[in-house]
C-alpha cells in the first residue's frame, strides 16, 4: 500500500462517531475513517452511507475501518481492499464502550431489518 495517494498518517479522526449522523441525530452500523482528512463516516450497511458520500463529495479515495481491532483499508478509486497499511494518528477506532450499532440511545429496535 506504500505510494498510495490519499493517505495522510498525521491527521487525527474527526471524532468518535459519524460526523453527519451525529449532526442529524441519526445512527450507524459500522464506522469508517477517511485516511486523507480524518472524516468519520458510517459504512454502506448504515442507513445514510456517509463514508461513501464523503468519497463522492471530496474524491478522497482511501478509508480505514474505525472499528476497534480492525486495521483494513479500502480504496474507492481502485476498489482494492488492503489488510494492512500505515499507522494513522490515534485513536485507531471508536471507544470500545461505544455500542455497535451506535450510538447508544438512537438505534431503532428493528435496526437489523435495515441493513443493506
Protein backbone atom coordinates (compact mmCIF):
# COMPACT_ATOMS: atom_id res chain seq x y z
CA UNK A 1 0.00 0.00 0.00
CA UNK A 2 3.02 2.29 0.01
CA UNK A 3 2.89 5.08 -2.51
CA UNK A 4 -0.90 5.33 -2.47
CA UNK A 5 -2.17 8.88 -2.76
CA UNK A 6 -4.86 9.91 -0.32
CA UNK A 7 -3.27 8.87 2.96
CA UNK A 8 -2.17 11.48 5.48
CA UNK A 9 -0.95 9.49 8.53
CA UNK A 10 -0.69 12.50 10.87
CA UNK A 11 -4.30 13.71 10.52
CA UNK A 12 -6.44 12.74 13.53
CA UNK A 13 -10.01 11.43 13.19
CA UNK A 14 -12.84 13.98 13.19
CA UNK A 15 -14.46 12.43 16.28
CA UNK A 16 -15.72 9.15 17.70
CA UNK A 17 -18.87 8.81 15.60
CA UNK A 18 -20.21 9.56 12.13
CA UNK A 19 -19.99 13.33 11.70
CA UNK A 20 -23.21 13.68 9.68
CA UNK A 21 -25.23 11.17 11.73
CA UNK A 22 -24.24 12.99 14.91
CA UNK A 23 -25.37 16.31 13.43
CA UNK A 24 -28.69 14.86 12.21
CA UNK A 25 -29.44 12.68 15.24
CA UNK A 26 -29.03 9.51 13.17
CA UNK A 27 -27.36 6.19 13.86
CA UNK A 28 -24.79 3.93 12.20
CA UNK A 29 -23.81 0.30 11.95
CA UNK A 30 -20.01 0.49 11.49
CA UNK A 31 -17.67 3.45 11.16
CA UNK A 32 -15.06 4.30 8.52
CA UNK A 33 -12.26 6.87 8.65
CA UNK A 34 -11.03 8.87 5.68
CA UNK A 35 -7.29 8.25 5.53
CA UNK A 36 -6.71 11.67 3.98
CA UNK A 37 -8.68 14.13 6.16
CA UNK A 38 -9.80 12.03 9.14
CA UNK A 39 -13.55 12.36 8.43
CA UNK A 40 -15.52 9.68 10.28
CA UNK A 41 -18.49 8.41 8.30
CA UNK A 42 -20.85 5.46 8.51
CA UNK A 43 -20.46 2.32 6.38
CA UNK A 44 -22.61 1.29 3.43
CA UNK A 45 -24.67 -1.03 5.64
CA UNK A 46 -25.71 2.03 7.64
CA UNK A 47 -28.87 3.87 6.56
CA UNK A 48 -27.06 7.02 5.38
CA UNK A 49 -23.80 5.63 3.89
CA UNK A 50 -21.84 8.76 4.80
CA UNK A 51 -18.34 7.32 4.20
CA UNK A 52 -19.13 6.66 0.54
CA UNK A 53 -20.86 10.05 0.27
CA UNK A 54 -17.69 11.68 1.62
CA UNK A 55 -15.62 9.97 -1.08
CA UNK A 56 -18.02 11.10 -3.80
CA UNK A 57 -18.05 14.69 -2.49
CA UNK A 58 -14.30 15.06 -1.90
CA UNK A 59 -12.55 12.47 -4.06
CA UNK A 60 -10.59 11.26 -1.02
CA UNK A 61 -10.07 7.67 -2.15
CA UNK A 62 -8.94 5.67 0.89
CA UNK A 63 -10.82 4.76 4.06
CA UNK A 64 -9.81 2.68 7.03
CA UNK A 65 -12.11 0.81 9.36
CA UNK A 66 -12.74 2.81 12.54
CA UNK A 67 -13.84 -0.29 14.44
CA UNK A 68 -11.67 -1.40 17.37
CA UNK A 69 -9.12 -4.08 16.42
CA UNK A 70 -9.68 -3.67 12.65
CA UNK A 71 -6.88 -2.22 10.52
CA UNK A 72 -8.02 -2.79 6.91
CA UNK A 73 -8.15 -0.09 4.24
CA UNK A 74 -10.41 0.25 1.19
CA UNK A 75 -9.51 2.27 -1.90
CA UNK A 76 -12.70 3.52 -3.56
CA UNK A 77 -10.84 4.62 -6.71
CA UNK A 78 -9.32 1.20 -7.42
CA UNK A 79 -11.86 -0.92 -5.49
CA UNK A 80 -8.99 -2.63 -3.66
CA UNK A 81 -9.00 -3.98 -0.11
CA UNK A 82 -5.77 -3.85 1.87
CA UNK A 83 -5.49 -5.93 5.03
CA UNK A 84 -2.79 -3.65 6.40
CA UNK A 85 -1.32 -0.23 5.82
CA UNK A 86 0.36 2.69 7.51
CA UNK A 87 -0.42 3.63 11.09
CA UNK A 88 -2.74 6.62 11.31
CA UNK A 89 -2.87 9.24 14.07
CA UNK A 90 -4.69 7.89 17.12
CA UNK A 91 -7.20 6.82 18.04
CA UNK A 92 -7.39 3.88 15.64
CA UNK A 93 -11.05 3.16 16.41
CA UNK A 94 -14.09 4.39 18.24
CA UNK A 95 -14.17 3.90 22.03
CA UNK A 96 -14.53 0.24 22.97
CA UNK A 97 -17.56 1.03 25.14
CA UNK A 98 -19.43 2.62 22.21
CA UNK A 99 -22.02 0.06 21.07
CA UNK A 100 -22.31 -1.38 17.57
CA UNK A 101 -24.60 -0.30 16.10
CA UNK A 102 -24.44 3.10 17.73
CA UNK A 103 -24.64 5.48 19.28
CA UNK A 104 -26.43 4.33 22.42
CA UNK A 105 -29.98 5.58 22.65
CA UNK A 106 -30.50 6.31 18.94
CA UNK A 107 -30.54 2.85 17.36
CA UNK A 108 -34.05 1.67 16.43
CA UNK A 109 -35.32 -1.64 17.83
CA UNK A 110 -35.61 -3.10 14.30
CA UNK A 111 -32.15 -1.93 13.15
CA UNK A 112 -31.13 -5.35 11.76
CA UNK A 113 -34.00 -5.18 9.24
CA UNK A 114 -32.46 -2.07 7.69
CA UNK A 115 -29.01 -3.49 6.92
CA UNK A 116 -28.02 -3.23 3.26
